[in-house]
């Protein structure tokens, strides 16, 4: 597997700025105009891609109110799974228009399919990539089917243990995926930052040798920015126009100004990492003069000998370096020197030059 993948011609990996995915999920709240606005605002914020989800209630669960299908506690307390997904799904008849609008804005758009029929549908829309949601990471047959498209894949690993992550990766390989990325994830909505254990990211990179990122469900950008310093090449965050909008995912999603900050700050963090470099930086050049160096603190005549009370380490930095002060003591001057002048080799009778 490669440590670089490419989606719509944009390269993703540690040598490139973080790839920011704005997840619309259910934040359109059943309104196509809101979905269009989310796409527009994601583009304006600087996101690299917008992701949607492709399912119908009956492709993801069963229409049952049996105890197994009832949600107890959390954001969706009291609903059945079918009711939740009926509320949250993105109508399939919208997909073509959403893809067309995103492409018009030059914003990459792709989706998470939840069964084979969704994959076939998205293939007809020429989706450029696919995301496997955390809850589907154990559906190895779905992973293989998505992999068989030959498109780049991103697998989110929320709730998956080390063995299950390895199985999902192997399924993608068996299915023929050549460009694969994995996302560290905590499937809590929202998730506390302390649950993220971001040191898992470099371990995942070491174990699997894949492009690795973060699917972040915390309520601010701190966790996501920190992940960049640990090697995250992809950041996915839920995105909404209004966190108080009342939709299924609004309450743990970023608003436009926060997405702007994420796109900006994650790239600053990546740029700050740079490379190992002990050389003088371009921004330092003008400040070299303010380093310490040796200066005469009294006037001396030719033939005088330098003593400890005649030179001193001070700013600025036009004189000889302070580390050779002891080497200069006892040396005889070949010329007169004025007080407050830089100590240079050419004033000594036995100079080095």
Protein backbone atom coordinates (compact mmCIF):
# COMPACT_ATOMS: atom_id res chain seq x y z
CA UNK A 1 0.00 0.00 0.00
CA UNK A 2 1.14 3.54 -0.73
CA UNK A 3 1.67 6.26 1.86
CA UNK A 4 0.16 8.68 -0.64
CA UNK A 5 -3.34 8.54 -2.08
CA UNK A 6 -4.94 10.85 -4.61
CA UNK A 7 -8.57 11.97 -4.76
CA UNK A 8 -9.60 13.98 -7.82
CA UNK A 9 -5.94 14.57 -8.57
CA UNK A 10 -5.18 16.00 -5.12
CA UNK A 11 -2.39 14.13 -3.35
CA UNK A 12 -2.87 13.22 0.29
CA UNK A 13 -0.09 12.17 2.65
CA UNK A 14 2.44 13.42 5.15
CA UNK A 15 4.29 15.48 2.53
CA UNK A 16 1.16 17.49 1.76
CA UNK A 17 -1.07 19.81 3.82
CA UNK A 18 -3.86 18.07 5.74
CA UNK A 19 -6.85 17.09 3.61
CA UNK A 20 -9.97 18.55 5.23
CA UNK A 21 -13.28 16.75 4.77
CA UNK A 22 -16.49 18.50 5.80
CA UNK A 23 -19.09 15.87 6.67
CA UNK A 24 -22.62 17.05 5.92
CA UNK A 25 -24.31 13.87 7.19
CA UNK A 26 -27.85 14.79 8.32
CA UNK A 27 -27.22 18.48 8.81
CA UNK A 28 -29.36 19.46 5.82
CA UNK A 29 -32.32 18.63 8.08
CA UNK A 30 -34.37 17.45 5.13
CA UNK A 31 -34.01 20.65 3.09
CA UNK A 32 -32.27 20.63 -0.27
CA UNK A 33 -31.58 24.37 -0.13
CA UNK A 34 -29.75 23.87 3.16
CA UNK A 35 -27.70 21.06 1.60
CA UNK A 36 -26.68 23.38 -1.23
CA UNK A 37 -25.73 26.09 1.27
CA UNK A 38 -23.61 23.65 3.28
CA UNK A 39 -21.71 22.74 0.11
CA UNK A 40 -21.23 26.41 -0.72
CA UNK A 41 -20.00 27.30 2.78
CA UNK A 42 -17.65 24.30 2.90
CA UNK A 43 -16.03 25.55 -0.29
CA UNK A 44 -15.74 29.10 1.05
CA UNK A 45 -14.22 27.81 4.30
CA UNK A 46 -11.41 26.10 2.41
CA UNK A 47 -12.40 22.45 2.83
CA UNK A 48 -10.88 20.05 0.32
CA UNK A 49 -13.95 17.84 0.12
CA UNK A 50 -17.53 17.48 1.26
CA UNK A 51 -18.85 14.07 2.22
CA UNK A 52 -22.41 12.83 2.38
CA UNK A 53 -23.96 9.51 3.38
CA UNK A 54 -25.84 7.22 1.02
CA UNK A 55 -28.48 4.97 2.56
CA UNK A 56 -32.20 4.58 3.00
CA UNK A 57 -33.70 3.43 6.27
CA UNK A 58 -34.40 -0.02 4.84
CA UNK A 59 -30.84 -0.42 3.49
CA UNK A 60 -29.28 0.14 6.90
CA UNK A 61 -31.73 -1.37 9.43
CA UNK A 62 -35.10 -3.08 9.89
CA UNK A 63 -38.40 -1.33 10.54
CA UNK A 64 -38.90 -2.73 14.03
CA UNK A 65 -39.68 -1.35 17.45
CA UNK A 66 -38.33 -4.43 19.21
CA UNK A 67 -35.95 -3.64 22.08
CA UNK A 68 -32.87 -4.35 19.93
CA UNK A 69 -33.89 -1.53 17.58
CA UNK A 70 -34.73 1.10 20.19
CA UNK A 71 -32.27 3.84 21.16
CA UNK A 72 -31.88 4.51 24.86
CA UNK A 73 -29.97 7.56 26.03
CA UNK A 74 -27.83 10.04 24.12
CA UNK A 75 -28.84 12.48 21.42
CA UNK A 76 -31.42 10.21 19.81
CA UNK A 77 -33.09 8.79 22.91
CA UNK A 78 -36.52 7.31 22.33
CA UNK A 79 -36.27 6.74 18.60
CA UNK A 80 -36.02 3.44 16.82
CA UNK A 81 -33.12 2.97 14.45
CA UNK A 82 -35.52 3.11 11.52
CA UNK A 83 -36.98 6.38 12.74
CA UNK A 84 -33.51 7.87 13.19
CA UNK A 85 -32.36 6.92 9.71
CA UNK A 86 -35.63 8.04 8.14
CA UNK A 87 -35.02 11.42 9.77
CA UNK A 88 -31.31 11.61 8.98
CA UNK A 89 -30.87 10.16 5.50
CA UNK A 90 -30.02 12.18 2.42
CA UNK A 91 -32.66 11.44 -0.24
CA UNK A 92 -31.16 9.58 -3.15
CA UNK A 93 -32.97 11.81 -5.62
CA UNK A 94 -30.88 14.71 -4.28
CA UNK A 95 -27.53 13.07 -4.90
CA UNK A 96 -27.13 13.95 -8.56
CA UNK A 97 -27.92 17.60 -7.90
CA UNK A 98 -25.57 17.72 -4.92
CA UNK A 99 -22.74 16.18 -6.95
CA UNK A 100 -23.37 18.59 -9.82
CA UNK A 101 -23.41 21.63 -7.52
CA UNK A 102 -20.21 20.64 -5.72
CA UNK A 103 -18.46 20.02 -9.02
CA UNK A 104 -19.64 23.39 -10.29
CA UNK A 105 -17.91 24.95 -7.26
CA UNK A 106 -14.79 22.81 -7.86
CA UNK A 107 -15.29 21.03 -4.53
CA UNK A 108 -14.67 17.30 -4.34
CA UNK A 109 -17.74 15.40 -3.18
CA UNK A 110 -17.98 11.74 -2.24
CA UNK A 111 -19.98 9.55 0.10
CA UNK A 112 -20.19 6.74 2.62
CA UNK A 113 -22.23 3.88 1.12
CA UNK A 114 -23.94 1.53 3.55
CA UNK A 115 -24.78 -1.37 1.25
CA UNK A 116 -24.00 -2.62 -2.24
CA UNK A 117 -26.94 -0.84 -3.86
CA UNK A 118 -25.56 2.47 -2.57
CA UNK A 119 -22.17 1.65 -4.11
CA UNK A 120 -23.78 0.92 -7.47
CA UNK A 121 -25.77 4.15 -7.27
CA UNK A 122 -22.66 6.19 -6.43
CA UNK A 123 -20.72 4.54 -9.24
CA UNK A 124 -23.38 5.83 -11.64
CA UNK A 125 -22.62 9.32 -10.26
CA UNK A 126 -18.88 8.73 -10.81
CA UNK A 127 -18.00 9.20 -7.16
CA UNK A 128 -14.22 9.81 -6.96
CA UNK A 129 -13.70 8.00 -3.65
CA UNK A 130 -15.51 6.14 -0.88
CA UNK A 131 -15.59 6.32 2.90
CA UNK A 132 -16.41 3.34 5.09
CA UNK A 133 -18.14 4.56 8.24
CA UNK A 134 -16.91 3.33 11.61
CA UNK A 135 -20.04 1.24 12.26
CA UNK A 136 -19.50 -0.53 8.90
CA UNK A 137 -15.79 -1.26 9.45
CA UNK A 138 -16.74 -4.79 10.53
CA UNK A 139 -18.75 -5.41 7.32
CA UNK A 140 -15.90 -6.99 5.40
CA UNK A 141 -18.03 -7.93 2.40
CA UNK A 142 -19.14 -4.31 1.98
CA UNK A 143 -15.49 -3.22 2.21
CA UNK A 144 -14.52 -5.71 -0.48
CA UNK A 145 -17.35 -4.56 -2.73
CA UNK A 146 -16.34 -0.92 -2.38
CA UNK A 147 -12.71 -1.88 -3.01
CA UNK A 148 -13.72 -3.63 -6.23
CA UNK A 149 -14.59 -0.22 -7.74
CA UNK A 150 -10.88 0.60 -7.85
CA UNK A 151 -11.54 4.00 -6.27
CA UNK A 152 -9.56 5.40 -3.29
CA UNK A 153 -11.02 4.33 0.05
CA UNK A 154 -11.00 5.80 3.53
CA UNK A 155 -11.93 3.55 6.44
CA UNK A 156 -12.95 5.05 9.78
CA UNK A 157 -11.97 2.89 12.75
CA UNK A 158 -14.23 4.03 15.59
CA UNK A 159 -15.00 1.14 18.00
CA UNK A 160 -12.74 -1.22 16.03
CA UNK A 161 -9.96 -2.91 17.95
CA UNK A 162 -6.52 -3.61 16.51
CA UNK A 163 -7.57 -6.98 15.09
CA UNK A 164 -10.70 -5.57 13.46
CA UNK A 165 -8.72 -2.72 11.89
CA UNK A 166 -6.28 -5.21 10.42
CA UNK A 167 -9.18 -7.30 9.08
CA UNK A 168 -10.77 -4.27 7.44
CA UNK A 169 -7.47 -3.34 5.78
CA UNK A 170 -7.00 -6.90 4.56
CA UNK A 171 -10.52 -6.95 3.14
CA UNK A 172 -9.82 -3.75 1.22
CA UNK A 173 -6.63 -5.28 -0.17
CA UNK A 174 -8.41 -8.49 -1.12
CA UNK A 175 -11.06 -6.44 -2.90
CA UNK A 176 -8.42 -4.73 -5.02
CA UNK A 177 -8.03 -1.34 -3.34
CA UNK A 178 -4.72 0.28 -4.25
CA UNK A 179 -5.23 3.62 -2.52
CA UNK A 180 -6.32 3.24 1.09
CA UNK A 181 -6.39 5.55 4.09
CA UNK A 182 -7.55 4.90 7.64
CA UNK A 183 -8.92 7.34 10.19
CA UNK A 184 -8.50 7.12 13.94
CA UNK A 185 -11.94 7.78 15.39
CA UNK A 186 -13.96 7.73 18.60
CA UNK A 187 -17.60 7.01 17.84
CA UNK A 188 -19.07 9.18 20.56
CA UNK A 189 -21.39 12.04 19.63
CA UNK A 190 -19.86 14.23 20.88
CA UNK A 191 -16.64 12.58 22.08
CA UNK A 192 -14.48 14.03 24.87
CA UNK A 193 -10.96 14.93 23.79
CA UNK A 194 -9.49 12.71 26.51
CA UNK A 195 -11.00 9.64 24.80
CA UNK A 196 -9.02 10.22 21.63
CA UNK A 197 -5.61 8.99 22.79
CA UNK A 198 -3.98 10.62 19.79
CA UNK A 199 -0.72 8.74 20.30
CA UNK A 200 -2.62 5.93 18.57
CA UNK A 201 -2.14 7.75 15.25
CA UNK A 202 1.67 7.29 14.94
CA UNK A 203 1.22 3.69 16.08
CA UNK A 204 -1.33 3.11 13.31
CA UNK A 205 1.08 4.63 10.79
CA UNK A 206 3.87 2.37 12.01
CA UNK A 207 1.70 -0.76 12.02
CA UNK A 208 -0.01 -0.36 8.68
CA UNK A 209 2.10 2.02 6.60
CA UNK A 210 -1.00 3.79 5.31
CA UNK A 211 -2.12 7.37 4.96
CA UNK A 212 -3.69 7.98 8.36
CA UNK A 213 -5.97 10.69 9.64
CA UNK A 214 -8.59 11.62 12.21
CA UNK A 215 -12.37 11.56 12.21
CA UNK A 216 -13.02 14.05 14.98
CA UNK A 217 -16.25 14.25 16.97
CA UNK A 218 -15.05 16.66 19.65
CA UNK A 219 -16.69 20.05 19.98
CA UNK A 220 -13.77 22.24 18.94
CA UNK A 221 -10.65 22.11 16.77
CA UNK A 222 -7.97 21.47 19.41
CA UNK A 223 -7.93 17.69 19.00
CA UNK A 224 -7.83 17.93 15.21
CA UNK A 225 -4.97 20.45 15.17
CA UNK A 226 -3.01 18.35 17.66
CA UNK A 227 -3.45 15.27 15.47
CA UNK A 228 -1.55 16.97 12.65
CA UNK A 229 1.56 17.09 14.83
CA UNK A 230 1.25 13.33 15.31
CA UNK A 231 1.01 12.55 11.61
CA UNK A 232 -2.65 12.94 10.66
CA UNK A 233 -2.92 13.64 6.92
CA UNK A 234 -6.73 13.76 6.80
CA UNK A 235 -9.15 15.51 9.14
CA UNK A 236 -12.86 14.87 8.94
CA UNK A 237 -15.33 16.98 10.93
CA UNK A 238 -19.12 17.23 10.83
CA UNK A 239 -20.22 20.57 9.39
CA UNK A 240 -23.43 22.55 9.80
CA UNK A 241 -24.71 26.03 9.17
CA UNK A 242 -26.12 26.32 12.69
CA UNK A 243 -25.21 24.12 15.65
CA UNK A 244 -28.56 24.91 17.26
CA UNK A 245 -30.48 23.84 14.15
CA UNK A 246 -32.05 20.85 15.86
CA UNK A 247 -30.95 18.21 13.35
CA UNK A 248 -29.60 14.76 14.26
CA UNK A 249 -25.93 15.81 14.07
CA UNK A 250 -26.05 19.60 14.40
CA UNK A 251 -25.07 19.74 18.06
CA UNK A 252 -21.59 18.20 17.55
CA UNK A 253 -20.78 19.85 14.21
CA UNK A 254 -18.60 22.81 13.29
CA UNK A 255 -20.16 26.06 12.16
CA UNK A 256 -18.72 27.99 9.18
CA UNK A 257 -16.30 30.21 11.12
CA UNK A 258 -14.97 27.16 12.95
CA UNK A 259 -14.42 25.28 9.69
CA UNK A 260 -12.53 28.29 8.34
CA UNK A 261 -10.33 28.15 11.45
CA UNK A 262 -9.77 24.39 11.08
CA UNK A 263 -8.74 24.69 7.42
CA UNK A 264 -6.37 27.55 8.24
CA UNK A 265 -4.89 26.31 11.50
CA UNK A 266 -4.36 22.69 10.45
CA UNK A 267 -2.29 23.87 7.50
CA UNK A 268 -0.30 26.23 9.73
CA UNK A 269 0.38 23.33 12.09
CA UNK A 270 1.54 21.14 9.19
CA UNK A 271 3.80 23.90 7.85
CA UNK A 272 5.28 24.45 11.31
CA UNK A 273 6.32 20.78 11.51
CA UNK A 274 8.59 21.19 8.50
CA UNK A 275 11.72 19.05 8.58
CA UNK A 276 14.78 18.55 10.76
CA UNK A 277 16.81 21.73 10.20
CA UNK A 278 19.41 23.28 12.50
CA UNK A 279 20.44 25.95 10.01
CA UNK A 280 19.73 29.65 10.31
CA UNK A 281 16.26 30.45 9.03
CA UNK A 282 15.39 33.26 6.65
CA UNK A 283 13.39 35.10 9.32
CA UNK A 284 16.46 35.10 11.57
CA UNK A 285 18.92 36.69 9.18
CA UNK A 286 18.28 40.26 10.24
CA UNK A 287 18.58 39.39 13.90
CA UNK A 288 22.09 37.91 13.85
CA UNK A 289 23.41 41.35 14.73
CA UNK A 290 21.62 41.19 18.07
CA UNK A 291 23.50 38.13 19.30
CA UNK A 292 26.26 38.59 21.88
CA UNK A 293 29.86 39.14 20.84
CA UNK A 294 33.09 40.61 22.27
CA UNK A 295 33.59 44.39 22.52
CA UNK A 296 36.40 46.54 23.92
CA UNK A 297 35.12 48.35 27.02
CA UNK A 298 38.16 50.63 27.31
CA UNK A 299 40.47 52.39 24.86
CA UNK A 300 43.83 50.64 24.34
CA UNK A 301 47.07 51.50 22.55
CA UNK A 302 49.13 49.47 20.14
CA UNK A 303 51.36 47.17 22.20
CA UNK A 304 48.87 46.89 25.09
CA UNK A 305 47.86 43.43 26.21
CA UNK A 306 44.22 42.38 26.47
CA UNK A 307 43.11 41.82 30.08
CA UNK A 308 39.79 40.58 31.54
CA UNK A 309 38.71 44.15 32.28
CA UNK A 310 39.28 45.37 28.72
CA UNK A 311 36.79 43.19 26.80
CA UNK A 312 33.27 42.01 27.53
CA UNK A 313 30.51 39.85 26.03
CA UNK A 314 27.62 42.13 25.05
CA UNK A 315 25.09 42.70 22.32
CA UNK A 316 25.31 43.35 19.30
CA UNK A 317 27.00 40.57 17.38
CA UNK A 318 29.59 42.25 15.16
CA UNK A 319 32.59 41.15 17.24
CA UNK A 320 34.28 37.80 17.80
CA UNK A 321 32.23 35.08 19.54
CA UNK A 322 32.22 35.06 23.37
CA UNK A 323 33.45 31.45 23.47
CA UNK A 324 37.01 32.55 22.53
CA UNK A 325 37.36 35.26 25.20
CA UNK A 326 39.96 33.28 27.19
CA UNK A 327 41.97 32.72 24.01
CA UNK A 328 42.26 36.48 23.53
CA UNK A 329 43.50 37.30 27.03
CA UNK A 330 47.21 38.19 27.00
CA UNK A 331 47.35 38.91 23.29
CA UNK A 332 49.12 42.07 22.17
CA UNK A 333 47.38 44.71 20.07
CA UNK A 334 48.93 45.84 16.79
CA UNK A 335 46.84 49.03 16.56
CA UNK A 336 45.07 51.49 18.83
CA UNK A 337 41.44 50.61 19.60
CA UNK A 338 38.62 52.84 20.83
CA UNK A 339 36.20 52.05 23.63
CA UNK A 340 32.94 50.34 22.57
CA UNK A 341 34.36 48.87 19.35
CA UNK A 342 34.00 45.27 18.21
CA UNK A 343 36.85 42.89 18.91
CA UNK A 344 38.14 41.54 15.58
CA UNK A 345 41.16 39.43 14.67
CA UNK A 346 42.85 42.16 12.64
CA UNK A 347 43.66 44.28 15.72
CA UNK A 348 46.03 41.67 17.18
CA UNK A 349 49.71 41.34 16.44
CA UNK A 350 49.44 37.56 16.21
CA UNK A 351 46.06 37.40 14.51
CA UNK A 352 44.68 34.30 12.80
CA UNK A 353 44.03 35.87 9.43
